[in-house]
Amino acid sequence: MESVAAQPEVEEVIVVNDQSTDRTSAILAELAARIPKVRVLDTGALPAGWVGKNYAASVGAAVAQGDWLLFTDADTFHFPGAARRALADAVDRDAVLVSYSPEQEMQTFWERALIPLVYWRLAGRFSYGRVNDPARPDAAANGQFLMILREVYEAVGGHAAVAGAVLEDVTLARNVKRAGYTIYFALPAGVVRTRMYRSFPAMWQGWTKNLYPLMGGTAGSVIAELVEVLPWFEVLVCMFLWSSIAHRFELTSWWLLLILLAALLSRSLRYGIGLYRNLYPVAYIQYYAPGVCLYTSALISSWWKNTRGAVTWKGREYRARA
C-alpha cells in the first residue's frame, strides 16, 4: 500500500478488505490514518456465483474515480515510477490494458524449484509477442498488476463478466481483446515484485488452483503438457535400445544410462535458457529435476480439483461442478 500510494500518478488507493479474520483490519486502520490517499472498503457476504477476489475487485472498481484502474495484490511492491511506466506503455503501445508479470522473490527450496519452472512453461504458452499482437487472438494478463482504461473495463462488463472465473485476469484480458482493443503484457525489471507464497501448503494451494486453466483447461491440454515436460521420449528410446541390443554388448546398460543423462542434460540446458529469458538466475537450473516432479504433480492435482473435486483459496471452497 505504501509503495502504491507513493506513486505521484496514483490519486487514490482503494483497499478492499474481504472478510479477513486476522489483523488486516487493524493494519488498514493504521495505514489509512497516516496515508491520505487510502480508502478502506469491506465486502460483506459473497454473492452467489462469484469468486471472492473478483467480487472484491468489482467493489473497489465501483467507487474508483480515476480514468485508469490499477488492480494489484496486497503482497506486491511497486518500484518508484511503476505507474508512470505503465501509463507510458499504454500510450506507446496504444493499449487499453497494460499488465506486468512481477519479479518473484523466492526464499525456500520449494519456491525456487517450482515457481521459475511454472513461469517458464507459461512463457511458452502465453508468448508476449503473440499476446501483444493485435492481429492474433492470444490474450493474457497477470492480476498482480493489471491496469485498464475505465471506459473499456465497463464496456466489457468488468469483473461482473468474469464473476465465477478462477483465472479472472486472463479471462478479462481475453474479453478486452475480443472486443477489438489492444493489450500489452510484459515482464519488465524494476517495476513490481512479489513473494507469492510464504509456505509450501500456500504455494501448493495456489498453483493447484491455477495450473489447469492456465494450461488450457482440457484433459487433452494436460496430456500434451505432460508429454512435453516429462522425458518420456528419452526413456522410451532407452527401453527400445535395451530390449533390442542388450544381449550384444556387455556394457550396454552403461551406454543407455549415458544416453539418458545426455538427453536430460539437453533438457536442463533448455531450461537454463528459459530461466535467463524470464529474468531468473541461471543457477536455478540445479532445481530442474525436483521442479519437474513438483510441476507434474501440481498439474495433475489441479486437473482433478478443477474437474472432479474443489478448488480452495483464501478460506473459501469452490466446487468443480458449481
C-alpha atoms as a PDB file:
ATOM      1  CA  MET A   1       0.000   0.000   0.000  1.00  0.00           C
ATOM      2  CA  GLU A   2       2.801   2.390   0.839  1.00  0.00           C
ATOM      3  CA  SER A   3       4.603   1.698  -2.444  1.00  0.00           C
ATOM      4  CA  VAL A   4       1.425   2.252  -4.469  1.00  0.00           C
ATOM      5  CA  ALA A   5       0.473   5.422  -2.587  1.00  0.00           C
ATOM      6  CA  ALA A   6       3.960   6.829  -3.218  1.00  0.00           C
ATOM      7  CA  GLN A   7       3.316   6.874  -6.989  1.00  0.00           C
ATOM      8  CA  PRO A   8       2.561  10.509  -7.980  1.00  0.00           C
ATOM      9  CA  GLU A   9       0.205   9.326 -10.745  1.00  0.00           C
ATOM     10  CA  VAL A  10      -1.984   7.418  -8.268  1.00  0.00           C
ATOM     11  CA  GLU A  11      -4.694   9.699  -6.880  1.00  0.00           C
ATOM     12  CA  GLU A  12      -6.425   7.177  -4.613  1.00  0.00           C
ATOM     13  CA  VAL A  13      -5.706   3.759  -3.125  1.00  0.00           C
ATOM     14  CA  ILE A  14      -8.835   1.711  -2.524  1.00  0.00           C
ATOM     15  CA  VAL A  15      -8.224  -1.316  -0.327  1.00  0.00           C
ATOM     16  CA  VAL A  16     -10.942  -3.958  -0.222  1.00  0.00           C
ATOM     17  CA  ASN A  17     -10.986  -5.989   2.985  1.00  0.00           C
ATOM     18  CA  ASP A  18     -12.748  -9.216   2.062  1.00  0.00           C
ATOM     19  CA  GLN A  19     -13.934 -10.644   5.412  1.00  0.00           C
ATOM     20  CA  SER A  20     -10.416 -11.110   6.772  1.00  0.00           C
ATOM     21  CA  THR A  21     -10.109 -12.777  10.176  1.00  0.00           C
ATOM     22  CA  ASP A  22      -6.525 -11.810  11.049  1.00  0.00           C
ATOM     23  CA  ARG A  23      -5.017  -8.385  11.879  1.00  0.00           C
ATOM     24  CA  THR A  24      -5.818  -6.913   8.461  1.00  0.00           C
ATOM     25  CA  SER A  25      -8.489  -4.521   9.780  1.00  0.00           C
ATOM     26  CA  ALA A  26      -6.192  -3.060  12.434  1.00  0.00           C
ATOM     27  CA  ILE A  27      -3.298  -2.678   9.977  1.00  0.00           C
ATOM     28  CA  LEU A  28      -5.553  -0.981   7.428  1.00  0.00           C
ATOM     29  CA  ALA A  29      -6.876   1.435  10.036  1.00  0.00           C
ATOM     30  CA  GLU A  30      -3.326   2.448  10.948  1.00  0.00           C
ATOM     31  CA  LEU A  31      -2.306   2.912   7.312  1.00  0.00           C
ATOM     32  CA  ALA A  32      -5.440   4.852   6.412  1.00  0.00           C
ATOM     33  CA  ALA A  33      -4.825   7.211   9.338  1.00  0.00           C
ATOM     34  CA  ARG A  34      -1.404   8.259   8.014  1.00  0.00           C
ATOM     35  CA  ILE A  35      -1.827   7.916   4.217  1.00  0.00           C
ATOM     36  CA  PRO A  36      -4.476  10.371   2.969  1.00  0.00           C
ATOM     37  CA  LYS A  37      -4.878   8.544  -0.362  1.00  0.00           C
ATOM     38  CA  VAL A  38      -6.049   5.340   1.305  1.00  0.00           C
ATOM     39  CA  ARG A  39      -9.709   4.374   1.487  1.00  0.00           C
ATOM     40  CA  VAL A  40     -10.774   1.064   3.035  1.00  0.00           C
ATOM     41  CA  LEU A  41     -13.887  -0.843   1.970  1.00  0.00           C
ATOM     42  CA  ASP A  42     -15.436  -4.025   3.366  1.00  0.00           C
ATOM     43  CA  THR A  43     -17.153  -6.510   1.069  1.00  0.00           C
ATOM     44  CA  GLY A  44     -19.749  -8.179   3.240  1.00  0.00           C
ATOM     45  CA  ALA A  45     -21.196 -11.550   2.216  1.00  0.00           C
ATOM     46  CA  LEU A  46     -20.048 -13.092  -1.062  1.00  0.00           C
ATOM     47  CA  PRO A  47     -22.917 -13.193  -3.618  1.00  0.00           C
ATOM     48  CA  ALA A  48     -23.753 -16.495  -5.278  1.00  0.00           C
ATOM     49  CA  GLY A  49     -21.789 -17.235  -8.424  1.00  0.00           C
ATOM     50  CA  TRP A  50     -18.833 -15.027  -7.543  1.00  0.00           C
ATOM     51  CA  VAL A  51     -15.217 -15.911  -6.770  1.00  0.00           C
ATOM     52  CA  GLY A  52     -14.040 -13.870  -3.794  1.00  0.00           C
ATOM     53  CA  LYS A  53     -11.257 -11.909  -5.485  1.00  0.00           C
ATOM     54  CA  ASN A  54     -13.454 -10.994  -8.438  1.00  0.00           C
ATOM     55  CA  TYR A  55     -16.180  -9.620  -6.192  1.00  0.00           C
ATOM     56  CA  ALA A  56     -13.679  -7.652  -4.101  1.00  0.00           C
ATOM     57  CA  ALA A  57     -12.181  -6.134  -7.264  1.00  0.00           C
ATOM     58  CA  SER A  58     -15.642  -5.151  -8.530  1.00  0.00           C
ATOM     59  CA  VAL A  59     -16.478  -3.495  -5.204  1.00  0.00           C
ATOM     60  CA  GLY A  60     -13.339  -1.368  -5.432  1.00  0.00           C
ATOM     61  CA  ALA A  61     -13.834  -0.509  -9.089  1.00  0.00           C
ATOM     62  CA  ALA A  62     -17.411   0.643  -8.450  1.00  0.00           C
ATOM     63  CA  VAL A  63     -16.262   3.551  -6.253  1.00  0.00           C
ATOM     64  CA  ALA A  64     -12.987   4.407  -8.028  1.00  0.00           C
ATOM     65  CA  GLN A  65     -12.810   7.865  -9.594  1.00  0.00           C
ATOM     66  CA  GLY A  66      -9.835   7.564 -11.951  1.00  0.00           C
ATOM     67  CA  ASP A  67      -9.821   7.252 -15.731  1.00  0.00           C
ATOM     68  CA  TRP A  68      -7.494   4.269 -15.314  1.00  0.00           C
ATOM     69  CA  LEU A  69      -7.970   1.406 -12.855  1.00  0.00           C
ATOM     70  CA  LEU A  70      -4.932  -0.422 -11.490  1.00  0.00           C
ATOM     71  CA  PHE A  71      -5.754  -3.774  -9.907  1.00  0.00           C
ATOM     72  CA  THR A  72      -2.956  -5.147  -7.746  1.00  0.00           C
ATOM     73  CA  ASP A  73      -2.456  -7.591  -4.890  1.00  0.00           C
ATOM     74  CA  ALA A  74      -1.615  -6.733  -1.304  1.00  0.00           C
ATOM     75  CA  ASP A  75       1.648  -8.718  -1.438  1.00  0.00           C
ATOM     76  CA  THR A  76       3.189  -6.688  -4.271  1.00  0.00           C
ATOM     77  CA  PHE A  77       5.841  -3.953  -4.018  1.00  0.00           C
ATOM     78  CA  HIS A  78       5.732  -1.235  -6.660  1.00  0.00           C
ATOM     79  CA  PHE A  79       9.051   0.382  -7.516  1.00  0.00           C
ATOM     80  CA  PRO A  80       9.184   4.174  -7.910  1.00  0.00           C
ATOM     81  CA  GLY A  81       7.971   5.054 -11.392  1.00  0.00           C
ATOM     82  CA  ALA A  82       5.892   1.878 -11.837  1.00  0.00           C
ATOM     83  CA  ALA A  83       2.620   3.702 -12.527  1.00  0.00           C
ATOM     84  CA  ARG A  84       4.360   6.170 -14.845  1.00  0.00           C
ATOM     85  CA  ARG A  85       5.908   3.254 -16.753  1.00  0.00           C
ATOM     86  CA  ALA A  86       2.507   1.590 -17.172  1.00  0.00           C
ATOM     87  CA  LEU A  87       0.869   4.783 -18.440  1.00  0.00           C
ATOM     88  CA  ALA A  88       3.755   5.370 -20.851  1.00  0.00           C
ATOM     89  CA  ASP A  89       3.488   1.821 -22.166  1.00  0.00           C
ATOM     90  CA  ALA A  90      -0.237   2.336 -22.687  1.00  0.00           C
ATOM     91  CA  VAL A  91       0.475   5.413 -24.819  1.00  0.00           C
ATOM     92  CA  ASP A  92       3.431   3.918 -26.702  1.00  0.00           C
ATOM     93  CA  ARG A  93       1.593   0.669 -27.482  1.00  0.00           C
ATOM     94  CA  ASP A  94      -1.832   2.231 -27.982  1.00  0.00           C
ATOM     95  CA  ALA A  95      -3.073  -0.240 -25.358  1.00  0.00           C
ATOM     96  CA  VAL A  96      -6.140  -0.011 -23.146  1.00  0.00           C
ATOM     97  CA  LEU A  97      -4.894  -2.770 -20.842  1.00  0.00           C
ATOM     98  CA  VAL A  98      -1.325  -2.978 -19.508  1.00  0.00           C
ATOM     99  CA  SER A  99      -0.233  -5.868 -17.324  1.00  0.00           C
ATOM    100  CA  TYR A 100       3.134  -6.855 -15.888  1.00  0.00           C
ATOM    101  CA  SER A 101       4.342 -10.173 -14.572  1.00  0.00           C
ATOM    102  CA  PRO A 102       6.111  -9.258 -11.306  1.00  0.00           C
ATOM    103  CA  GLU A 103       9.632 -10.233 -10.355  1.00  0.00           C
ATOM    104  CA  GLN A 104       9.408 -13.164  -7.959  1.00  0.00           C
ATOM    105  CA  GLU A 105      11.006 -13.273  -4.514  1.00  0.00           C
ATOM    106  CA  MET A 106      11.816 -16.850  -3.543  1.00  0.00           C
ATOM    107  CA  GLN A 107      13.399 -17.847  -0.245  1.00  0.00           C
ATOM    108  CA  THR A 108      12.825 -21.598   0.077  1.00  0.00           C
ATOM    109  CA  PHE A 109      13.860 -24.681  -1.863  1.00  0.00           C
ATOM    110  CA  TRP A 110      10.281 -25.364  -2.896  1.00  0.00           C
ATOM    111  CA  GLU A 111       9.734 -21.873  -4.274  1.00  0.00           C
ATOM    112  CA  ARG A 112      12.944 -21.994  -6.321  1.00  0.00           C
ATOM    113  CA  ALA A 113      12.114 -25.444  -7.647  1.00  0.00           C
ATOM    114  CA  LEU A 114       8.536 -24.809  -8.768  1.00  0.00           C
ATOM    115  CA  ILE A 115       7.885 -21.117  -9.452  1.00  0.00           C
ATOM    116  CA  PRO A 116      10.557 -20.484 -12.143  1.00  0.00           C
ATOM    117  CA  LEU A 117       9.583 -23.693 -13.921  1.00  0.00           C
ATOM    118  CA  VAL A 118       5.911 -22.701 -13.922  1.00  0.00           C
ATOM    119  CA  TYR A 119       6.700 -19.296 -15.405  1.00  0.00           C
ATOM    120  CA  TRP A 120       8.991 -20.890 -17.990  1.00  0.00           C
ATOM    121  CA  ARG A 121       6.119 -23.080 -19.129  1.00  0.00           C
ATOM    122  CA  LEU A 122       3.702 -20.136 -19.072  1.00  0.00           C
ATOM    123  CA  ALA A 123       6.083 -18.043 -21.182  1.00  0.00           C
ATOM    124  CA  GLY A 124       5.892 -20.740 -23.831  1.00  0.00           C
ATOM    125  CA  ARG A 125       2.113 -20.888 -23.734  1.00  0.00           C
ATOM    126  CA  PHE A 126       1.458 -17.159 -23.431  1.00  0.00           C
ATOM    127  CA  SER A 127       4.086 -15.640 -25.707  1.00  0.00           C
ATOM    128  CA  TYR A 128       4.412 -11.927 -25.036  1.00  0.00           C
ATOM    129  CA  GLY A 129       4.846 -11.333 -28.765  1.00  0.00           C
ATOM    130  CA  ARG A 130       1.608 -13.116 -29.671  1.00  0.00           C
ATOM    131  CA  VAL A 131      -0.342 -11.581 -26.801  1.00  0.00           C
ATOM    132  CA  ASN A 132       0.747  -8.072 -27.812  1.00  0.00           C
ATOM    133  CA  ASP A 133      -0.007  -8.630 -31.499  1.00  0.00           C
ATOM    134  CA  PRO A 134      -3.459  -7.129 -32.265  1.00  0.00           C
ATOM    135  CA  ALA A 135      -3.814  -9.495 -35.215  1.00  0.00           C
ATOM    136  CA  ARG A 136      -3.630 -12.610 -33.021  1.00  0.00           C
ATOM    137  CA  PRO A 137      -6.338 -13.872 -30.644  1.00  0.00           C
ATOM    138  CA  ASP A 138      -3.836 -14.741 -27.872  1.00  0.00           C
ATOM    139  CA  ALA A 139      -4.532 -12.874 -24.641  1.00  0.00           C
ATOM    140  CA  ALA A 140      -3.077 -12.925 -21.137  1.00  0.00           C
ATOM    141  CA  ALA A 141      -2.592 -10.735 -18.094  1.00  0.00           C
ATOM    142  CA  ASN A 142      -1.373 -11.012 -14.516  1.00  0.00           C
ATOM    143  CA  GLY A 143      -3.787  -9.876 -11.819  1.00  0.00           C
ATOM    144  CA  GLN A 144      -0.902  -8.830  -9.585  1.00  0.00           C
ATOM    145  CA  PHE A 145      -0.501  -5.762 -11.819  1.00  0.00           C
ATOM    146  CA  LEU A 146      -3.339  -5.085 -14.237  1.00  0.00           C
ATOM    147  CA  MET A 147      -4.086  -1.541 -15.394  1.00  0.00           C
ATOM    148  CA  ILE A 148      -7.083  -0.930 -17.622  1.00  0.00           C
ATOM    149  CA  LEU A 149      -8.848   2.100 -19.071  1.00  0.00           C
ATOM    150  CA  ARG A 150     -12.008   2.563 -17.055  1.00  0.00           C
ATOM    151  CA  GLU A 151     -14.360   3.041 -20.020  1.00  0.00           C
ATOM    152  CA  VAL A 152     -13.091  -0.202 -21.592  1.00  0.00           C
ATOM    153  CA  TYR A 153     -13.405  -2.041 -18.271  1.00  0.00           C
ATOM    154  CA  GLU A 154     -17.050  -1.020 -18.103  1.00  0.00           C
ATOM    155  CA  ALA A 155     -17.652  -1.728 -21.807  1.00  0.00           C
ATOM    156  CA  VAL A 156     -16.581  -5.386 -21.469  1.00  0.00           C
ATOM    157  CA  GLY A 157     -18.553  -5.886 -18.251  1.00  0.00           C
ATOM    158  CA  GLY A 158     -15.666  -5.599 -15.805  1.00  0.00           C
ATOM    159  CA  HIS A 159     -15.289  -8.276 -13.161  1.00  0.00           C
ATOM    160  CA  ALA A 160     -19.021  -8.971 -13.271  1.00  0.00           C
ATOM    161  CA  ALA A 161     -18.427 -10.573 -16.674  1.00  0.00           C
ATOM    162  CA  VAL A 162     -15.848 -12.924 -15.140  1.00  0.00           C
ATOM    163  CA  ALA A 163     -17.577 -13.330 -11.762  1.00  0.00           C
ATOM    164  CA  GLY A 164     -17.105 -17.088 -11.489  1.00  0.00           C
ATOM    165  CA  ALA A 165     -13.731 -17.367 -13.245  1.00  0.00           C
ATOM    166  CA  VAL A 166     -10.882 -18.767 -11.167  1.00  0.00           C
ATOM    167  CA  LEU A 167      -8.449 -17.319 -13.728  1.00  0.00           C
ATOM    168  CA  GLU A 168     -10.071 -13.907 -13.857  1.00  0.00           C
ATOM    169  CA  ASP A 169      -7.058 -11.918 -15.098  1.00  0.00           C
ATOM    170  CA  VAL A 170      -6.571 -13.976 -18.271  1.00  0.00           C
ATOM    171  CA  THR A 171     -10.337 -14.117 -18.868  1.00  0.00           C
ATOM    172  CA  LEU A 172     -10.637 -10.340 -18.523  1.00  0.00           C
ATOM    173  CA  ALA A 173      -7.758  -9.853 -20.977  1.00  0.00           C
ATOM    174  CA  ARG A 174      -9.486 -12.178 -23.461  1.00  0.00           C
ATOM    175  CA  ASN A 175     -12.698 -10.186 -23.162  1.00  0.00           C
ATOM    176  CA  VAL A 176     -10.819  -6.961 -23.861  1.00  0.00           C
ATOM    177  CA  LYS A 177      -9.004  -8.342 -26.898  1.00  0.00           C
ATOM    178  CA  ARG A 178     -12.117  -9.997 -28.307  1.00  0.00           C
ATOM    179  CA  ALA A 179     -13.809  -6.609 -28.134  1.00  0.00           C
ATOM    180  CA  GLY A 180     -11.192  -5.307 -30.558  1.00  0.00           C
ATOM    181  CA  TYR A 181      -8.878  -3.484 -28.153  1.00  0.00           C
ATOM    182  CA  THR A 182      -5.080  -3.719 -27.867  1.00  0.00           C
ATOM    183  CA  ILE A 183      -3.440  -5.126 -24.740  1.00  0.00           C
ATOM    184  CA  TYR A 184       0.180  -5.013 -23.630  1.00  0.00           C
ATOM    185  CA  PHE A 185       1.683  -7.724 -21.406  1.00  0.00           C
ATOM    186  CA  ALA A 186       5.345  -7.697 -20.363  1.00  0.00           C
ATOM    187  CA  LEU A 187       7.971  -8.936 -17.927  1.00  0.00           C
ATOM    188  CA  PRO A 188       9.901  -5.777 -17.014  1.00  0.00           C
ATOM    189  CA  ALA A 189      12.656  -5.481 -14.421  1.00  0.00           C
ATOM    190  CA  GLY A 190      12.445  -2.888 -11.663  1.00  0.00           C
ATOM    191  CA  VAL A 191       8.701  -2.247 -11.880  1.00  0.00           C
ATOM    192  CA  VAL A 192       6.895  -4.590  -9.486  1.00  0.00           C
ATOM    193  CA  ARG A 193       7.919  -7.555  -7.363  1.00  0.00           C
ATOM    194  CA  THR A 194       6.203 -10.012  -5.060  1.00  0.00           C
ATOM    195  CA  ARG A 195       6.682 -13.060  -2.887  1.00  0.00           C
ATOM    196  CA  MET A 196       3.610 -15.034  -3.827  1.00  0.00           C
ATOM    197  CA  TYR A 197       3.774 -17.803  -1.241  1.00  0.00           C
ATOM    198  CA  ARG A 198       5.347 -17.991   2.205  1.00  0.00           C
ATOM    199  CA  SER A 199       4.801 -21.698   2.832  1.00  0.00           C
ATOM    200  CA  PHE A 200       4.657 -24.907   0.825  1.00  0.00           C
ATOM    201  CA  PRO A 201       0.927 -25.511   1.585  1.00  0.00           C
ATOM    202  CA  ALA A 202       0.081 -21.996   0.352  1.00  0.00           C
ATOM    203  CA  MET A 203       2.126 -22.498  -2.806  1.00  0.00           C
ATOM    204  CA  TRP A 204       0.545 -25.869  -3.469  1.00  0.00           C
ATOM    205  CA  GLN A 205      -2.946 -24.471  -2.946  1.00  0.00           C
ATOM    206  CA  GLY A 206      -2.251 -21.547  -5.266  1.00  0.00           C
ATOM    207  CA  TRP A 207      -0.800 -23.468  -8.204  1.00  0.00           C
ATOM    208  CA  THR A 208      -3.257 -26.359  -7.984  1.00  0.00           C
ATOM    209  CA  LYS A 209      -5.963 -23.703  -8.301  1.00  0.00           C
ATOM    210  CA  ASN A 210      -4.477 -22.098 -11.416  1.00  0.00           C
ATOM    211  CA  LEU A 211      -2.389 -24.568 -13.429  1.00  0.00           C
ATOM    212  CA  TYR A 212      -5.231 -26.489 -15.079  1.00  0.00           C
ATOM    213  CA  PRO A 213      -6.984 -23.422 -16.563  1.00  0.00           C
ATOM    214  CA  LEU A 214      -3.626 -21.793 -17.358  1.00  0.00           C
ATOM    215  CA  MET A 215      -2.532 -24.787 -19.392  1.00  0.00           C
ATOM    216  CA  GLY A 216      -5.686 -24.927 -21.477  1.00  0.00           C
ATOM    217  CA  GLY A 217      -8.404 -26.239 -19.198  1.00  0.00           C
ATOM    218  CA  THR A 218      -8.933 -29.558 -21.004  1.00  0.00           C
ATOM    219  CA  ALA A 219      -7.757 -33.114 -20.430  1.00  0.00           C
ATOM    220  CA  GLY A 220      -6.068 -33.015 -23.828  1.00  0.00           C
ATOM    221  CA  SER A 221      -4.076 -29.905 -22.946  1.00  0.00           C
ATOM    222  CA  VAL A 222      -2.910 -31.511 -19.691  1.00  0.00           C
ATOM    223  CA  ILE A 223      -1.777 -34.662 -21.512  1.00  0.00           C
ATOM    224  CA  ALA A 224       0.038 -32.574 -24.126  1.00  0.00           C
ATOM    225  CA  GLU A 225       1.807 -30.616 -21.412  1.00  0.00           C
ATOM    226  CA  LEU A 226       2.864 -33.776 -19.580  1.00  0.00           C
ATOM    227  CA  VAL A 227       4.236 -35.218 -22.825  1.00  0.00           C
ATOM    228  CA  GLU A 228       6.175 -32.000 -23.381  1.00  0.00           C
ATOM    229  CA  VAL A 229       7.637 -31.569 -19.919  1.00  0.00           C
ATOM    230  CA  LEU A 230       8.471 -35.156 -18.924  1.00  0.00           C
ATOM    231  CA  PRO A 231      11.354 -37.124 -20.554  1.00  0.00           C
ATOM    232  CA  TRP A 232       9.048 -39.797 -21.999  1.00  0.00           C
ATOM    233  CA  PHE A 233      10.812 -39.907 -25.353  1.00  0.00           C
ATOM    234  CA  GLU A 234      14.257 -40.374 -23.870  1.00  0.00           C
ATOM    235  CA  VAL A 235      13.065 -43.154 -21.579  1.00  0.00           C
ATOM    236  CA  LEU A 236      11.254 -44.969 -24.417  1.00  0.00           C
ATOM    237  CA  VAL A 237      14.334 -44.772 -26.665  1.00  0.00           C
ATOM    238  CA  CYS A 238      16.496 -46.230 -23.923  1.00  0.00           C
ATOM    239  CA  MET A 239      13.988 -49.011 -23.293  1.00  0.00           C
ATOM    240  CA  PHE A 240      13.911 -49.832 -27.005  1.00  0.00           C
ATOM    241  CA  LEU A 241      17.680 -49.881 -27.268  1.00  0.00           C
ATOM    242  CA  TRP A 242      17.934 -52.023 -24.168  1.00  0.00           C
ATOM    243  CA  SER A 243      15.456 -54.584 -25.456  1.00  0.00           C
ATOM    244  CA  SER A 244      16.973 -54.719 -28.951  1.00  0.00           C
ATOM    245  CA  ILE A 245      20.718 -54.744 -28.342  1.00  0.00           C
ATOM    246  CA  ALA A 246      21.218 -55.552 -24.657  1.00  0.00           C
ATOM    247  CA  HIS A 247      22.247 -59.135 -25.458  1.00  0.00           C
ATOM    248  CA  ARG A 248      25.034 -57.985 -27.811  1.00  0.00           C
ATOM    249  CA  PHE A 249      27.173 -55.792 -25.567  1.00  0.00           C
ATOM    250  CA  GLU A 250      28.202 -56.412 -22.029  1.00  0.00           C
ATOM    251  CA  LEU A 251      28.258 -52.685 -21.168  1.00  0.00           C
ATOM    252  CA  THR A 252      25.060 -51.680 -22.935  1.00  0.00           C
ATOM    253  CA  SER A 253      23.359 -50.614 -19.714  1.00  0.00           C
ATOM    254  CA  TRP A 254      26.083 -48.037 -19.109  1.00  0.00           C
ATOM    255  CA  TRP A 255      25.737 -46.638 -22.627  1.00  0.00           C
ATOM    256  CA  LEU A 256      21.980 -46.386 -22.213  1.00  0.00           C
ATOM    257  CA  LEU A 257      22.454 -44.562 -18.942  1.00  0.00           C
ATOM    258  CA  LEU A 258      24.787 -42.105 -20.657  1.00  0.00           C
ATOM    259  CA  ILE A 259      22.233 -41.542 -23.440  1.00  0.00           C
ATOM    260  CA  LEU A 260      19.520 -40.829 -20.894  1.00  0.00           C
ATOM    261  CA  LEU A 261      21.777 -38.493 -18.918  1.00  0.00           C
ATOM    262  CA  ALA A 262      22.752 -36.647 -22.104  1.00  0.00           C
ATOM    263  CA  ALA A 263      19.080 -36.195 -23.003  1.00  0.00           C
ATOM    264  CA  LEU A 264      18.266 -34.890 -19.522  1.00  0.00           C
ATOM    265  CA  LEU A 265      21.250 -32.548 -19.738  1.00  0.00           C
ATOM    266  CA  SER A 266      19.865 -31.197 -23.007  1.00  0.00           C
ATOM    267  CA  ARG A 267      16.511 -30.538 -21.337  1.00  0.00           C
ATOM    268  CA  SER A 268      18.267 -28.850 -18.416  1.00  0.00           C
ATOM    269  CA  LEU A 269      20.181 -26.564 -20.761  1.00  0.00           C
ATOM    270  CA  ARG A 270      16.932 -25.605 -22.488  1.00  0.00           C
ATOM    271  CA  TYR A 271      15.526 -24.800 -19.053  1.00  0.00           C
ATOM    272  CA  GLY A 272      18.594 -22.687 -18.303  1.00  0.00           C
ATOM    273  CA  ILE A 273      17.907 -20.615 -21.422  1.00  0.00           C
ATOM    274  CA  GLY A 274      14.312 -20.234 -20.293  1.00  0.00           C
ATOM    275  CA  LEU A 275      15.454 -19.038 -16.862  1.00  0.00           C
ATOM    276  CA  TYR A 276      17.667 -16.398 -18.453  1.00  0.00           C
ATOM    277  CA  ARG A 277      14.916 -15.151 -20.744  1.00  0.00           C
ATOM    278  CA  ASN A 278      12.468 -14.903 -17.848  1.00  0.00           C
ATOM    279  CA  LEU A 279      14.900 -12.965 -15.635  1.00  0.00           C
ATOM    280  CA  TYR A 280      15.653 -15.774 -13.181  1.00  0.00           C
ATOM    281  CA  PRO A 281      19.174 -16.715 -12.036  1.00  0.00           C
ATOM    282  CA  VAL A 282      20.556 -19.390 -14.361  1.00  0.00           C
ATOM    283  CA  ALA A 283      21.911 -21.104 -11.228  1.00  0.00           C
ATOM    284  CA  TYR A 284      18.340 -22.237 -10.563  1.00  0.00           C
ATOM    285  CA  ILE A 285      18.952 -24.888 -13.199  1.00  0.00           C
ATOM    286  CA  GLN A 286      20.014 -27.094 -10.274  1.00  0.00           C
ATOM    287  CA  TYR A 287      16.342 -27.326  -9.260  1.00  0.00           C
ATOM    288  CA  TYR A 288      15.221 -28.664 -12.635  1.00  0.00           C
ATOM    289  CA  ALA A 289      14.615 -32.309 -11.675  1.00  0.00           C
ATOM    290  CA  PRO A 290      12.640 -31.669  -8.456  1.00  0.00           C
ATOM    291  CA  GLY A 291      10.872 -28.799 -10.214  1.00  0.00           C
ATOM    292  CA  VAL A 292       9.604 -31.091 -12.981  1.00  0.00           C
ATOM    293  CA  CYS A 293       8.353 -33.577 -10.388  1.00  0.00           C
ATOM    294  CA  LEU A 294       6.555 -30.850  -8.430  1.00  0.00           C
ATOM    295  CA  TYR A 295       5.129 -29.277 -11.578  1.00  0.00           C
ATOM    296  CA  THR A 296       3.804 -32.599 -12.856  1.00  0.00           C
ATOM    297  CA  SER A 297       2.178 -33.407  -9.513  1.00  0.00           C
ATOM    298  CA  ALA A 298       0.640 -29.923  -9.210  1.00  0.00           C
ATOM    299  CA  LEU A 299      -0.722 -30.020 -12.774  1.00  0.00           C
ATOM    300  CA  ILE A 300      -2.393 -33.402 -12.265  1.00  0.00           C
ATOM    301  CA  SER A 301      -3.797 -32.274  -8.905  1.00  0.00           C
ATOM    302  CA  SER A 302      -5.070 -29.040 -10.486  1.00  0.00           C
ATOM    303  CA  TRP A 303      -6.812 -31.021 -13.222  1.00  0.00           C
ATOM    304  CA  TRP A 304      -8.557 -33.173 -10.620  1.00  0.00           C
ATOM    305  CA  LYS A 305      -9.586 -30.267  -8.382  1.00  0.00           C
ATOM    306  CA  ASN A 306     -10.936 -28.194 -11.257  1.00  0.00           C
ATOM    307  CA  THR A 307     -12.905 -31.027 -12.859  1.00  0.00           C
ATOM    308  CA  ARG A 308     -13.813 -33.522 -10.127  1.00  0.00           C
ATOM    309  CA  GLY A 309     -13.114 -32.003  -6.717  1.00  0.00           C
ATOM    310  CA  ALA A 310     -12.953 -28.475  -5.337  1.00  0.00           C
ATOM    311  CA  VAL A 311     -10.585 -25.527  -5.501  1.00  0.00           C
ATOM    312  CA  THR A 312      -9.768 -23.969  -2.135  1.00  0.00           C
ATOM    313  CA  TRP A 313      -8.426 -20.434  -1.973  1.00  0.00           C
ATOM    314  CA  LYS A 314      -8.190 -17.878   0.841  1.00  0.00           C
ATOM    315  CA  GLY A 315     -10.524 -19.810   3.123  1.00  0.00           C
ATOM    316  CA  ARG A 316     -13.213 -20.433   0.510  1.00  0.00           C
ATOM    317  CA  GLU A 317     -14.042 -23.614  -1.386  1.00  0.00           C
ATOM    318  CA  TYR A 318     -15.296 -23.612  -4.966  1.00  0.00           C
ATOM    319  CA  ARG A 319     -16.762 -26.930  -6.113  1.00  0.00           C
ATOM    320  CA  ALA A 320     -15.842 -28.016  -9.643  1.00  0.00           C
ATOM    321  CA  ARG A 321     -19.485 -28.667 -10.504  1.00  0.00           C
ATOM    322  CA  ALA A 322     -20.710 -25.295  -9.176  1.00  0.00           C
END
